[in-house]
Amino acid sequence: MANAICKLLQTLPPNYPIENLFINGVNLASPSVTAFVHVDEKTGLAYFINGDSSLVVDCSRIDGIDWA
């Protein structure tokens, strides 16, 4: 977990609002991902709120985030 986005996510508080999440150029957030929850530094997994459930992604694969 060494990329700049992973490092940035580590600095954010829980439930930080987002609008769009891009992985390999594909917008995964639309329409229901609304907030970043946390990133696990040991595993490199980033957790997001996705409606009533959660979305877990490898933070090193995130291309970009559009903030709310």
PDB file of N, CA and C in Angstrom:
ATOM      1  N   MET A   1       0.855  -1.179   0.000  1.00  0.00           N
ATOM      2  CA  MET A   1       0.000   0.000   0.000  1.00  0.00           C
ATOM      3  C   MET A   1       0.893   1.232   0.000  1.00  0.00           C
ATOM      4  N   ALA A   2       1.369   1.620  -1.169  1.00  0.00           N
ATOM      5  CA  ALA A   2       2.336   2.714  -1.207  1.00  0.00           C
ATOM      6  C   ALA A   2       1.913   3.881  -2.085  1.00  0.00           C
ATOM      7  N   ASN A   3       0.804   3.765  -2.805  1.00  0.00           N
ATOM      8  CA  ASN A   3       0.489   4.866  -3.709  1.00  0.00           C
ATOM      9  C   ASN A   3      -0.075   6.074  -2.965  1.00  0.00           C
ATOM     10  N   ALA A   4      -0.095   7.192  -3.656  1.00  0.00           N
ATOM     11  CA  ALA A   4      -0.498   8.463  -3.043  1.00  0.00           C
ATOM     12  C   ALA A   4      -1.947   8.451  -2.571  1.00  0.00           C
ATOM     13  N   ILE A   5      -2.832   7.789  -3.290  1.00  0.00           N
ATOM     14  CA  ILE A   5      -4.239   7.760  -2.875  1.00  0.00           C
ATOM     15  C   ILE A   5      -4.387   6.970  -1.569  1.00  0.00           C
ATOM     16  N   CYS A   6      -3.663   5.881  -1.427  1.00  0.00           N
ATOM     17  CA  CYS A   6      -3.713   5.117  -0.175  1.00  0.00           C
ATOM     18  C   CYS A   6      -3.244   5.982   0.989  1.00  0.00           C
ATOM     19  N   LYS A   7      -2.169   6.698   0.779  1.00  0.00           N
ATOM     20  CA  LYS A   7      -1.648   7.570   1.831  1.00  0.00           C
ATOM     21  C   LYS A   7      -2.647   8.674   2.173  1.00  0.00           C
ATOM     22  N   LEU A   8      -3.284   9.240   1.160  1.00  0.00           N
ATOM     23  CA  LEU A   8      -4.289  10.279   1.391  1.00  0.00           C
ATOM     24  C   LEU A   8      -5.469   9.725   2.182  1.00  0.00           C
ATOM     25  N   LEU A   9      -5.958   8.553   1.809  1.00  0.00           N
ATOM     26  CA  LEU A   9      -7.095   7.950   2.503  1.00  0.00           C
ATOM     27  C   LEU A   9      -6.794   7.717   3.977  1.00  0.00           C
ATOM     28  N   GLN A  10      -5.554   7.408   4.309  1.00  0.00           N
ATOM     29  CA  GLN A  10      -5.179   7.177   5.700  1.00  0.00           C
ATOM     30  C   GLN A  10      -5.352   8.433   6.549  1.00  0.00           C
ATOM     31  N   THR A  11      -5.362   9.605   5.928  1.00  0.00           N
ATOM     32  CA  THR A  11      -5.467  10.856   6.680  1.00  0.00           C
ATOM     33  C   THR A  11      -6.899  11.326   6.878  1.00  0.00           C
ATOM     34  N   LEU A  12      -7.855  10.684   6.213  1.00  0.00           N
ATOM     35  CA  LEU A  12      -9.245  11.137   6.266  1.00  0.00           C
ATOM     36  C   LEU A  12      -9.985  10.561   7.470  1.00  0.00           C
ATOM     37  N   PRO A  13     -10.918  11.335   8.014  1.00  0.00           N
ATOM     38  CA  PRO A  13     -11.734  10.808   9.115  1.00  0.00           C
ATOM     39  C   PRO A  13     -12.782   9.823   8.588  1.00  0.00           C
ATOM     40  N   PRO A  14     -13.306   8.955   9.451  1.00  0.00           N
ATOM     41  CA  PRO A  14     -14.371   8.032   9.037  1.00  0.00           C
ATOM     42  C   PRO A  14     -15.585   8.787   8.504  1.00  0.00           C
ATOM     43  N   ASN A  15     -16.276   8.150   7.575  1.00  0.00           N
ATOM     44  CA  ASN A  15     -17.494   8.676   6.953  1.00  0.00           C
ATOM     45  C   ASN A  15     -17.256   9.951   6.156  1.00  0.00           C
ATOM     46  N   TYR A  16     -16.059  10.114   5.612  1.00  0.00           N
ATOM     47  CA  TYR A  16     -15.750  11.281   4.789  1.00  0.00           C
ATOM     48  C   TYR A  16     -16.523  11.165   3.472  1.00  0.00           C
ATOM     49  N   PRO A  17     -17.287  12.201   3.099  1.00  0.00           N
ATOM     50  CA  PRO A  17     -18.155  12.101   1.920  1.00  0.00           C
ATOM     51  C   PRO A  17     -17.383  12.072   0.599  1.00  0.00           C
ATOM     52  N   ILE A  18     -17.852  11.239  -0.319  1.00  0.00           N
ATOM     53  CA  ILE A  18     -17.324  11.199  -1.678  1.00  0.00           C
ATOM     54  C   ILE A  18     -18.487  11.180  -2.659  1.00  0.00           C
ATOM     55  N   GLU A  19     -18.191  11.545  -3.896  1.00  0.00           N
ATOM     56  CA  GLU A  19     -19.214  11.477  -4.944  1.00  0.00           C
ATOM     57  C   GLU A  19     -18.923  10.378  -5.944  1.00  0.00           C
ATOM     58  N   ASN A  20     -17.655  10.219  -6.311  1.00  0.00           N
ATOM     59  CA  ASN A  20     -17.280   9.232  -7.313  1.00  0.00           C
ATOM     60  C   ASN A  20     -15.993   8.538  -6.910  1.00  0.00           C
ATOM     61  N   LEU A  21     -15.899   7.265  -7.236  1.00  0.00           N
ATOM     62  CA  LEU A  21     -14.729   6.451  -6.954  1.00  0.00           C
ATOM     63  C   LEU A  21     -14.345   5.763  -8.260  1.00  0.00           C
ATOM     64  N   PHE A  22     -13.119   5.976  -8.719  1.00  0.00           N
ATOM     65  CA  PHE A  22     -12.685   5.439 -10.011  1.00  0.00           C
ATOM     66  C   PHE A  22     -11.625   4.362  -9.830  1.00  0.00           C
ATOM     67  N   ILE A  23     -11.875   3.200 -10.417  1.00  0.00           N
ATOM     68  CA  ILE A  23     -10.913   2.109 -10.439  1.00  0.00           C
ATOM     69  C   ILE A  23     -10.752   1.675 -11.890  1.00  0.00           C
ATOM     70  N   ASN A  24      -9.519   1.741 -12.376  1.00  0.00           N
ATOM     71  CA  ASN A  24      -9.222   1.447 -13.787  1.00  0.00           C
ATOM     72  C   ASN A  24     -10.091   2.285 -14.717  1.00  0.00           C
ATOM     73  N   GLY A  25     -10.321   3.538 -14.345  1.00  0.00           N
ATOM     74  CA  GLY A  25     -11.091   4.457 -15.169  1.00  0.00           C
ATOM     75  C   GLY A  25     -12.594   4.272 -15.110  1.00  0.00           C
ATOM     76  N   VAL A  26     -13.060   3.323 -14.323  1.00  0.00           N
ATOM     77  CA  VAL A  26     -14.492   3.049 -14.217  1.00  0.00           C
ATOM     78  C   VAL A  26     -15.019   3.665 -12.922  1.00  0.00           C
ATOM     79  N   ASN A  27     -16.132   4.390 -13.030  1.00  0.00           N
ATOM     80  CA  ASN A  27     -16.757   5.016 -11.871  1.00  0.00           C
ATOM     81  C   ASN A  27     -17.551   3.961 -11.107  1.00  0.00           C
ATOM     82  N   LEU A  28     -17.051   3.594  -9.924  1.00  0.00           N
ATOM     83  CA  LEU A  28     -17.746   2.596  -9.105  1.00  0.00           C
ATOM     84  C   LEU A  28     -18.758   3.208  -8.146  1.00  0.00           C
ATOM     85  N   ALA A  29     -18.670   4.509  -7.943  1.00  0.00           N
ATOM     86  CA  ALA A  29     -19.498   5.143  -6.922  1.00  0.00           C
ATOM     87  C   ALA A  29     -20.921   5.385  -7.369  1.00  0.00           C
ATOM     88  N   SER A  30     -21.105   5.642  -8.614  1.00  0.00           N
ATOM     89  CA  SER A  30     -22.434   6.029  -9.071  1.00  0.00           C
ATOM     90  C   SER A  30     -23.364   4.825  -9.056  1.00  0.00           C
ATOM     91  N   PRO A  31     -24.527   4.902  -8.477  1.00  0.00           N
ATOM     92  CA  PRO A  31     -25.077   6.049  -7.777  1.00  0.00           C
ATOM     93  C   PRO A  31     -25.007   5.957  -6.265  1.00  0.00           C
ATOM     94  N   SER A  32     -24.493   4.852  -5.682  1.00  0.00           N
ATOM     95  CA  SER A  32     -24.775   4.671  -4.262  1.00  0.00           C
ATOM     96  C   SER A  32     -23.593   4.788  -3.294  1.00  0.00           C
ATOM     97  N   VAL A  33     -22.344   4.840  -3.749  1.00  0.00           N
ATOM     98  CA  VAL A  33     -21.240   5.007  -2.812  1.00  0.00           C
ATOM     99  C   VAL A  33     -21.209   6.460  -2.370  1.00  0.00           C
ATOM    100  N   THR A  34     -21.312   6.671  -1.068  1.00  0.00           N
ATOM    101  CA  THR A  34     -21.455   8.042  -0.569  1.00  0.00           C
ATOM    102  C   THR A  34     -20.369   8.481   0.392  1.00  0.00           C
ATOM    103  N   ALA A  35     -19.604   7.535   0.970  1.00  0.00           N
ATOM    104  CA  ALA A  35     -18.609   7.941   1.963  1.00  0.00           C
ATOM    105  C   ALA A  35     -17.476   6.932   2.079  1.00  0.00           C
ATOM    106  N   PHE A  36     -16.308   7.440   2.380  1.00  0.00           N
ATOM    107  CA  PHE A  36     -15.146   6.629   2.718  1.00  0.00           C
ATOM    108  C   PHE A  36     -15.250   6.283   4.211  1.00  0.00           C
ATOM    109  N   VAL A  37     -14.983   5.042   4.574  1.00  0.00           N
ATOM    110  CA  VAL A  37     -15.054   4.628   5.970  1.00  0.00           C
ATOM    111  C   VAL A  37     -13.654   4.591   6.578  1.00  0.00           C
ATOM    112  N   HIS A  38     -12.781   3.734   6.047  1.00  0.00           N
ATOM    113  CA  HIS A  38     -11.400   3.687   6.517  1.00  0.00           C
ATOM    114  C   HIS A  38     -10.567   2.808   5.598  1.00  0.00           C
ATOM    115  N   VAL A  39      -9.253   2.866   5.796  1.00  0.00           N
ATOM    116  CA  VAL A  39      -8.339   1.990   5.063  1.00  0.00           C
ATOM    117  C   VAL A  39      -7.534   1.186   6.085  1.00  0.00           C
ATOM    118  N   ASP A  40      -7.438  -0.096   5.841  1.00  0.00           N
ATOM    119  CA  ASP A  40      -6.665  -0.987   6.706  1.00  0.00           C
ATOM    120  C   ASP A  40      -5.221  -0.968   6.206  1.00  0.00           C
ATOM    121  N   GLU A  41      -4.330  -0.408   6.994  1.00  0.00           N
ATOM    122  CA  GLU A  41      -2.935  -0.257   6.579  1.00  0.00           C
ATOM    123  C   GLU A  41      -2.237  -1.599   6.372  1.00  0.00           C
ATOM    124  N   LYS A  42      -2.633  -2.627   7.091  1.00  0.00           N
ATOM    125  CA  LYS A  42      -1.992  -3.941   6.967  1.00  0.00           C
ATOM    126  C   LYS A  42      -2.382  -4.654   5.686  1.00  0.00           C
ATOM    127  N   THR A  43      -3.662  -4.568   5.323  1.00  0.00           N
ATOM    128  CA  THR A  43      -4.139  -5.298   4.143  1.00  0.00           C
ATOM    129  C   THR A  43      -4.203  -4.430   2.896  1.00  0.00           C
ATOM    130  N   GLY A  44      -4.248  -3.108   3.053  1.00  0.00           N
ATOM    131  CA  GLY A  44      -4.382  -2.209   1.914  1.00  0.00           C
ATOM    132  C   GLY A  44      -5.799  -2.116   1.390  1.00  0.00           C
ATOM    133  N   LEU A  45      -6.759  -2.595   2.165  1.00  0.00           N
ATOM    134  CA  LEU A  45      -8.151  -2.538   1.741  1.00  0.00           C
ATOM    135  C   LEU A  45      -8.803  -1.249   2.211  1.00  0.00           C
ATOM    136  N   ALA A  46      -9.532  -0.617   1.302  1.00  0.00           N
ATOM    137  CA  ALA A  46     -10.267   0.608   1.608  1.00  0.00           C
ATOM    138  C   ALA A  46     -11.749   0.269   1.666  1.00  0.00           C
ATOM    139  N   TYR A  47     -12.427   0.801   2.661  1.00  0.00           N
ATOM    140  CA  TYR A  47     -13.842   0.521   2.908  1.00  0.00           C
ATOM    141  C   TYR A  47     -14.670   1.769   2.647  1.00  0.00           C
ATOM    142  N   PHE A  48     -15.775   1.588   1.935  1.00  0.00           N
ATOM    143  CA  PHE A  48     -16.673   2.680   1.580  1.00  0.00           C
ATOM    144  C   PHE A  48     -18.100   2.298   1.922  1.00  0.00           C
ATOM    145  N   ILE A  49     -18.936   3.285   2.199  1.00  0.00           N
ATOM    146  CA  ILE A  49     -20.365   3.055   2.405  1.00  0.00           C
ATOM    147  C   ILE A  49     -21.013   2.989   1.032  1.00  0.00           C
ATOM    148  N   ASN A  50     -21.793   1.932   0.818  1.00  0.00           N
ATOM    149  CA  ASN A  50     -22.447   1.678  -0.455  1.00  0.00           C
ATOM    150  C   ASN A  50     -23.919   1.380  -0.172  1.00  0.00           C
ATOM    151  N   GLY A  51     -24.720   2.444  -0.064  1.00  0.00           N
ATOM    152  CA  GLY A  51     -26.125   2.260   0.294  1.00  0.00           C
ATOM    153  C   GLY A  51     -26.228   1.731   1.704  1.00  0.00           C
ATOM    154  N   ASP A  52     -26.867   0.574   1.868  1.00  0.00           N
ATOM    155  CA  ASP A  52     -27.014  -0.055   3.180  1.00  0.00           C
ATOM    156  C   ASP A  52     -25.908  -1.062   3.466  1.00  0.00           C
ATOM    157  N   SER A  53     -24.956  -1.186   2.563  1.00  0.00           N
ATOM    158  CA  SER A  53     -23.870  -2.143   2.753  1.00  0.00           C
ATOM    159  C   SER A  53     -22.529  -1.427   2.585  1.00  0.00           C
ATOM    160  N   SER A  54     -21.475  -2.200   2.427  1.00  0.00           N
ATOM    161  CA  SER A  54     -20.163  -1.594   2.245  1.00  0.00           C
ATOM    162  C   SER A  54     -19.501  -2.134   0.988  1.00  0.00           C
ATOM    163  N   LEU A  55     -18.559  -1.356   0.500  1.00  0.00           N
ATOM    164  CA  LEU A  55     -17.761  -1.728  -0.666  1.00  0.00           C
ATOM    165  C   LEU A  55     -16.321  -1.762  -0.198  1.00  0.00           C
ATOM    166  N   VAL A  56     -15.609  -2.838  -0.514  1.00  0.00           N
ATOM    167  CA  VAL A  56     -14.215  -2.981  -0.124  1.00  0.00           C
ATOM    168  C   VAL A  56     -13.386  -3.116  -1.396  1.00  0.00           C
ATOM    169  N   VAL A  57     -12.355  -2.270  -1.509  1.00  0.00           N
ATOM    170  CA  VAL A  57     -11.479  -2.321  -2.679  1.00  0.00           C
ATOM    171  C   VAL A  57     -10.021  -2.233  -2.239  1.00  0.00           C
ATOM    172  N   ASP A  58      -9.143  -2.750  -3.063  1.00  0.00           N
ATOM    173  CA  ASP A  58      -7.710  -2.599  -2.854  1.00  0.00           C
ATOM    174  C   ASP A  58      -7.376  -1.146  -3.161  1.00  0.00           C
ATOM    175  N   CYS A  59      -6.932  -0.399  -2.165  1.00  0.00           N
ATOM    176  CA  CYS A  59      -6.751   1.043  -2.371  1.00  0.00           C
ATOM    177  C   CYS A  59      -5.681   1.344  -3.411  1.00  0.00           C
ATOM    178  N   SER A  60      -4.756   0.438  -3.668  1.00  0.00           N
ATOM    179  CA  SER A  60      -3.725   0.681  -4.674  1.00  0.00           C
ATOM    180  C   SER A  60      -4.285   0.651  -6.093  1.00  0.00           C
ATOM    181  N   ARG A  61      -5.517   0.177  -6.265  1.00  0.00           N
ATOM    182  CA  ARG A  61      -6.152   0.138  -7.588  1.00  0.00           C
ATOM    183  C   ARG A  61      -7.037   1.353  -7.847  1.00  0.00           C
ATOM    184  N   ILE A  62      -7.200   2.224  -6.857  1.00  0.00           N
ATOM    185  CA  ILE A  62      -8.049   3.411  -7.030  1.00  0.00           C
ATOM    186  C   ILE A  62      -7.313   4.439  -7.867  1.00  0.00           C
ATOM    187  N   ASP A  63      -7.947   4.863  -8.973  1.00  0.00           N
ATOM    188  CA  ASP A  63      -7.367   5.870  -9.874  1.00  0.00           C
ATOM    189  C   ASP A  63      -7.686   7.286  -9.411  1.00  0.00           C
ATOM    190  N   GLY A  64      -8.859   7.470  -8.841  1.00  0.00           N
ATOM    191  CA  GLY A  64      -9.261   8.817  -8.447  1.00  0.00           C
ATOM    192  C   GLY A  64     -10.510   8.811  -7.606  1.00  0.00           C
ATOM    193  N   ILE A  65     -10.677   9.939  -6.907  1.00  0.00           N
ATOM    194  CA  ILE A  65     -11.853  10.143  -6.063  1.00  0.00           C
ATOM    195  C   ILE A  65     -12.367  11.549  -6.316  1.00  0.00           C
ATOM    196  N   ASP A  66     -13.661  11.662  -6.520  1.00  0.00           N
ATOM    197  CA  ASP A  66     -14.328  12.954  -6.659  1.00  0.00           C
ATOM    198  C   ASP A  66     -15.002  13.222  -5.335  1.00  0.00           C
ATOM    199  N   TRP A  67     -14.556  14.279  -4.643  1.00  0.00           N
ATOM    200  CA  TRP A  67     -15.054  14.570  -3.306  1.00  0.00           C
ATOM    201  C   TRP A  67     -16.403  15.262  -3.353  1.00  0.00           C
ATOM    202  N   ALA A  68     -17.250  14.974  -2.390  1.00  0.00           N
ATOM    203  CA  ALA A  68     -18.591  15.574  -2.300  1.00  0.00           C
ATOM    204  C   ALA A  68     -18.499  17.004  -1.849  1.00  0.00           C
TER     205      ALA A  68
END
